């Protein structure tokens, strides 16, 4: 599966995330979180941080992203500047979510494809 598009953030104090294996509460057991205040992108599995990469976000700037999930590997590419990779399990054919907390996000050109 591939999810791609562009995203911008209204401020650098909130956070936004992509969640996988989303339940009825729209939270996922595997979450990739954009954390502008902490200047990073981090991944969480069942609430525990498993990896992170540094990244300086700017409010109002548009970033291109591409998330590729191939079997048990997930790779997020942001603005062709940074990549975050992890092993993930049971995300195929399960619900996913996009959410923002304490900020507004704008997502454009969202494309979802499966191979």
Protein backbone atom coordinates (compact mmCIF):
# COMPACT_ATOMS: atom_id res chain seq x y z
CA UNK A 1 0.00 0.00 0.00
CA UNK A 2 1.13 3.54 -0.68
CA UNK A 3 -0.35 6.72 0.79
CA UNK A 4 0.97 9.97 -0.63
CA UNK A 5 0.11 13.64 -0.80
CA UNK A 6 1.08 16.92 0.78
CA UNK A 7 0.45 18.28 4.25
CA UNK A 8 0.81 21.61 6.02
CA UNK A 9 0.43 22.53 9.68
CA UNK A 10 -1.20 25.66 11.11
CA UNK A 11 1.29 25.90 13.98
CA UNK A 12 4.25 24.13 15.53
CA UNK A 13 2.76 23.53 18.97
CA UNK A 14 0.27 20.77 18.14
CA UNK A 15 0.82 17.41 16.47
CA UNK A 16 -0.63 15.31 13.67
CA UNK A 17 -0.54 11.58 13.08
CA UNK A 18 -1.22 8.67 10.79
CA UNK A 19 -2.65 5.72 12.74
CA UNK A 20 -2.94 2.12 11.62
CA UNK A 21 -5.09 -0.73 12.92
CA UNK A 22 -7.46 2.07 13.93
CA UNK A 23 -10.23 1.15 16.35
CA UNK A 24 -13.55 2.83 16.98
CA UNK A 25 -11.75 5.61 18.87
CA UNK A 26 -9.83 6.42 15.63
CA UNK A 27 -6.51 5.74 17.32
CA UNK A 28 -4.19 3.14 15.87
CA UNK A 29 -1.95 0.60 17.49
CA UNK A 30 0.85 1.80 15.16
CA UNK A 31 1.12 5.58 14.90
CA UNK A 32 3.46 7.85 12.98
CA UNK A 33 3.33 11.24 14.66
CA UNK A 34 4.51 14.59 13.28
CA UNK A 35 5.73 16.44 16.39
CA UNK A 36 6.78 19.98 15.35
CA UNK A 37 7.39 21.25 18.92
CA UNK A 38 9.84 18.40 19.51
CA UNK A 39 11.34 18.89 16.01
CA UNK A 40 10.86 15.28 15.04
CA UNK A 41 8.76 12.56 13.49
CA UNK A 42 8.24 9.58 15.79
CA UNK A 43 6.63 6.16 15.52
CA UNK A 44 4.74 4.46 18.33
CA UNK A 45 3.53 0.89 18.76
CA UNK A 46 0.73 0.49 21.30
CA UNK A 47 1.72 3.80 22.89
CA UNK A 48 5.46 3.09 23.22
CA UNK A 49 7.91 5.05 21.10
CA UNK A 50 9.87 2.74 18.82
CA UNK A 51 11.81 5.13 16.60
CA UNK A 52 12.20 8.77 15.66
CA UNK A 53 14.02 11.07 13.25
CA UNK A 54 14.74 14.78 13.66
CA UNK A 55 12.91 17.25 11.42
CA UNK A 56 12.34 21.01 11.68
CA UNK A 57 8.78 21.93 10.73
CA UNK A 58 7.55 25.40 9.78
CA UNK A 59 3.95 26.54 10.24
CA UNK A 60 2.19 27.06 6.91
CA UNK A 61 4.86 25.31 4.85
CA UNK A 62 3.68 22.46 2.61
CA UNK A 63 5.49 19.13 2.85
CA UNK A 64 5.17 16.24 0.41
CA UNK A 65 4.92 12.80 1.94
CA UNK A 66 4.84 9.21 0.82
CA UNK A 67 4.21 6.24 3.09
CA UNK A 68 4.93 2.82 1.63
CA UNK A 69 3.87 -0.32 3.48
CA UNK A 70 5.20 -3.58 2.05
CA UNK A 71 4.32 -6.65 4.09
CA UNK A 72 5.81 -5.87 7.52
CA UNK A 73 7.89 -2.81 6.51
CA UNK A 74 6.63 0.78 6.68
CA UNK A 75 8.70 3.63 5.23
CA UNK A 76 7.65 7.27 5.46
CA UNK A 77 9.42 9.80 3.25
CA UNK A 78 8.91 13.51 3.99
CA UNK A 79 9.89 16.19 1.47
CA UNK A 80 12.61 13.92 0.07
CA UNK A 81 14.64 15.02 3.10
CA UNK A 82 14.00 12.39 5.74
CA UNK A 83 12.88 8.78 5.98
CA UNK A 84 11.42 6.90 8.94
CA UNK A 85 11.25 3.11 8.67
CA UNK A 86 9.84 0.44 10.96
CA UNK A 87 8.55 -3.06 11.08
CA UNK A 88 4.77 -3.11 11.38
CA UNK A 89 2.42 -6.06 11.53
CA UNK A 90 -1.22 -6.59 10.60
CA UNK A 91 -1.75 -3.23 8.93
CA UNK A 92 -2.89 -4.55 5.55
CA UNK A 93 -6.65 -4.48 5.10
CA UNK A 94 -7.18 -2.74 8.46
CA UNK A 95 -8.54 0.76 9.05
CA UNK A 96 -6.20 3.73 9.22
CA UNK A 97 -6.68 7.31 10.34
CA UNK A 98 -5.30 10.80 9.93
CA UNK A 99 -5.69 13.13 12.89
CA UNK A 100 -4.57 16.47 14.27
CA UNK A 101 -4.36 17.60 17.89
CA UNK A 102 -4.15 21.30 18.83
CA UNK A 103 -3.53 22.33 15.22
CA UNK A 104 -5.23 22.40 11.85
CA UNK A 105 -3.76 20.43 9.00
CA UNK A 106 -4.37 20.77 5.29
CA UNK A 107 -3.90 17.64 3.19
CA UNK A 108 -3.85 17.89 -0.60
CA UNK A 109 -3.50 15.40 -3.44
CA UNK A 110 -4.13 12.44 -1.15
CA UNK A 111 -3.63 9.21 -3.07
CA UNK A 112 -3.99 5.68 -1.81
CA UNK A 113 -2.88 2.77 -3.92
CA UNK A 114 -2.32 -0.94 -3.43
CA UNK A 115 -0.15 -3.28 -5.40
